[in-house]
C-alpha atoms as a PDB file:
ATOM      1  CA  MET A   1     355.411 -27.250  20.235  1.00  0.00           C
ATOM      2  CA  ASN A   2     352.814 -24.595  19.373  1.00  0.00           C
ATOM      3  CA  LYS A   3     350.979 -27.113  17.208  1.00  0.00           C
ATOM      4  CA  PHE A   4     350.738 -29.512  20.159  1.00  0.00           C
ATOM      5  CA  ILE A   5     349.506 -26.798  22.518  1.00  0.00           C
ATOM      6  CA  ARG A   6     346.843 -25.733  20.021  1.00  0.00           C
ATOM      7  CA  SER A   7     345.768 -29.352  19.628  1.00  0.00           C
ATOM      8  CA  LEU A   8     345.117 -29.526  23.384  1.00  0.00           C
ATOM      9  CA  GLY A   9     342.266 -27.076  22.842  1.00  0.00           C
ATOM     10  CA  LYS A  10     340.307 -29.836  21.119  1.00  0.00           C
ATOM     11  CA  TYR A  11     340.270 -31.771  24.390  1.00  0.00           C
ATOM     12  CA  ARG A  12     339.273 -28.844  26.633  1.00  0.00           C
ATOM     13  CA  GLU A  13     335.707 -30.120  27.086  1.00  0.00           C
ATOM     14  CA  LEU A  14     336.721 -33.774  27.369  1.00  0.00           C
ATOM     15  CA  LEU A  15     339.668 -33.827  29.784  1.00  0.00           C
ATOM     16  CA  PRO A  16     340.122 -32.462  33.298  1.00  0.00           C
ATOM     17  CA  LYS A  17     341.512 -28.941  33.417  1.00  0.00           C
ATOM     18  CA  GLN A  18     344.521 -29.975  35.486  1.00  0.00           C
ATOM     19  CA  THR A  19     345.493 -32.658  32.970  1.00  0.00           C
ATOM     20  CA  ILE A  20     345.545 -30.126  30.147  1.00  0.00           C
ATOM     21  CA  LYS A  21     347.605 -27.726  32.267  1.00  0.00           C
ATOM     22  CA  THR A  22     350.089 -30.483  33.073  1.00  0.00           C
ATOM     23  CA  LEU A  23     350.506 -31.510  29.439  1.00  0.00           C
ATOM     24  CA  ARG A  24     350.868 -27.878  28.361  1.00  0.00           C
ATOM     25  CA  GLY A  25     353.495 -27.292  31.037  1.00  0.00           C
ATOM     26  CA  GLN A  26     355.447 -30.340  29.922  1.00  0.00           C
ATOM     27  CA  ALA A  27     355.456 -29.131  26.329  1.00  0.00           C
ATOM     28  CA  LEU A  28     356.510 -25.612  27.289  1.00  0.00           C
ATOM     29  CA  SER A  29     359.361 -26.907  29.435  1.00  0.00           C
ATOM     30  CA  GLY A  30     360.733 -28.832  26.471  1.00  0.00           C
ATOM     31  CA  ASP A  31     359.433 -32.329  27.145  1.00  0.00           C
ATOM     32  CA  LEU A  32     357.284 -32.488  24.031  1.00  0.00           C
ATOM     33  CA  LYS A  33     357.801 -36.222  23.607  1.00  0.00           C
ATOM     34  CA  GLY A  34     356.600 -36.857  27.173  1.00  0.00           C
ATOM     35  CA  ALA A  35     353.606 -34.559  26.740  1.00  0.00           C
ATOM     36  CA  GLU A  36     352.541 -36.380  23.575  1.00  0.00           C
ATOM     37  CA  LYS A  37     352.908 -39.730  25.315  1.00  0.00           C
ATOM     38  CA  GLY A  38     350.884 -38.438  28.272  1.00  0.00           C
ATOM     39  CA  LEU A  39     348.124 -37.221  25.956  1.00  0.00           C
ATOM     40  CA  ARG A  40     347.900 -40.628  24.274  1.00  0.00           C
ATOM     41  CA  LYS A  41     347.746 -42.315  27.684  1.00  0.00           C
ATOM     42  CA  VAL A  42     345.023 -39.998  29.009  1.00  0.00           C
ATOM     43  CA  VAL A  43     342.981 -40.275  25.809  1.00  0.00           C
ATOM     44  CA  LYS A  44     343.132 -44.042  26.132  1.00  0.00           C
ATOM     45  CA  LYS A  45     342.132 -43.834  29.818  1.00  0.00           C
ATOM     46  CA  TYR A  46     339.082 -41.695  29.096  1.00  0.00           C
ATOM     47  CA  ASP A  47     338.321 -43.645  25.894  1.00  0.00           C
ATOM     48  CA  ILE A  48     338.289 -40.572  23.640  1.00  0.00           C
ATOM     49  CA  GLN A  49     338.591 -40.804  19.862  1.00  0.00           C
ATOM     50  CA  LEU A  50     341.684 -38.999  18.559  1.00  0.00           C
ATOM     51  CA  PRO A  51     340.933 -36.432  15.855  1.00  0.00           C
END
């Protein structure tokens, strides 16, 4: 979970602030699988290259 939250920092400049907060909240509440899926979906939407 901490690894995922730290990885969100890489997208801070690229994604809307509210999106990052939502994904972080999902991960913290225990829905890590959903947060990872949401990140993939948003990255695809904004056409961002995954690191």
